[in-house]
């Protein structure tokens, strides 16, 4: 995989094979099962405090009109 990533082109067969080989070699990162997907929750529901802190950090500060 010597070519620079370009999101507008697909992977050729050799690149795809290399990606699949790397995926298969990582035992800690298996594919999600149907049960995993059924138990998944939206980020804001699973971690509401973190979501709120992210929203506060990204929002514009309130400007006082005084």
Foldseek 3Di string as FASTA:
>chain_A
DPDDDDPVDDDDPVVVVVVVVVQVVDPVDDDQDPVNVVPDDDPCVVCVVVVVVVVVVPDDDDDDPD
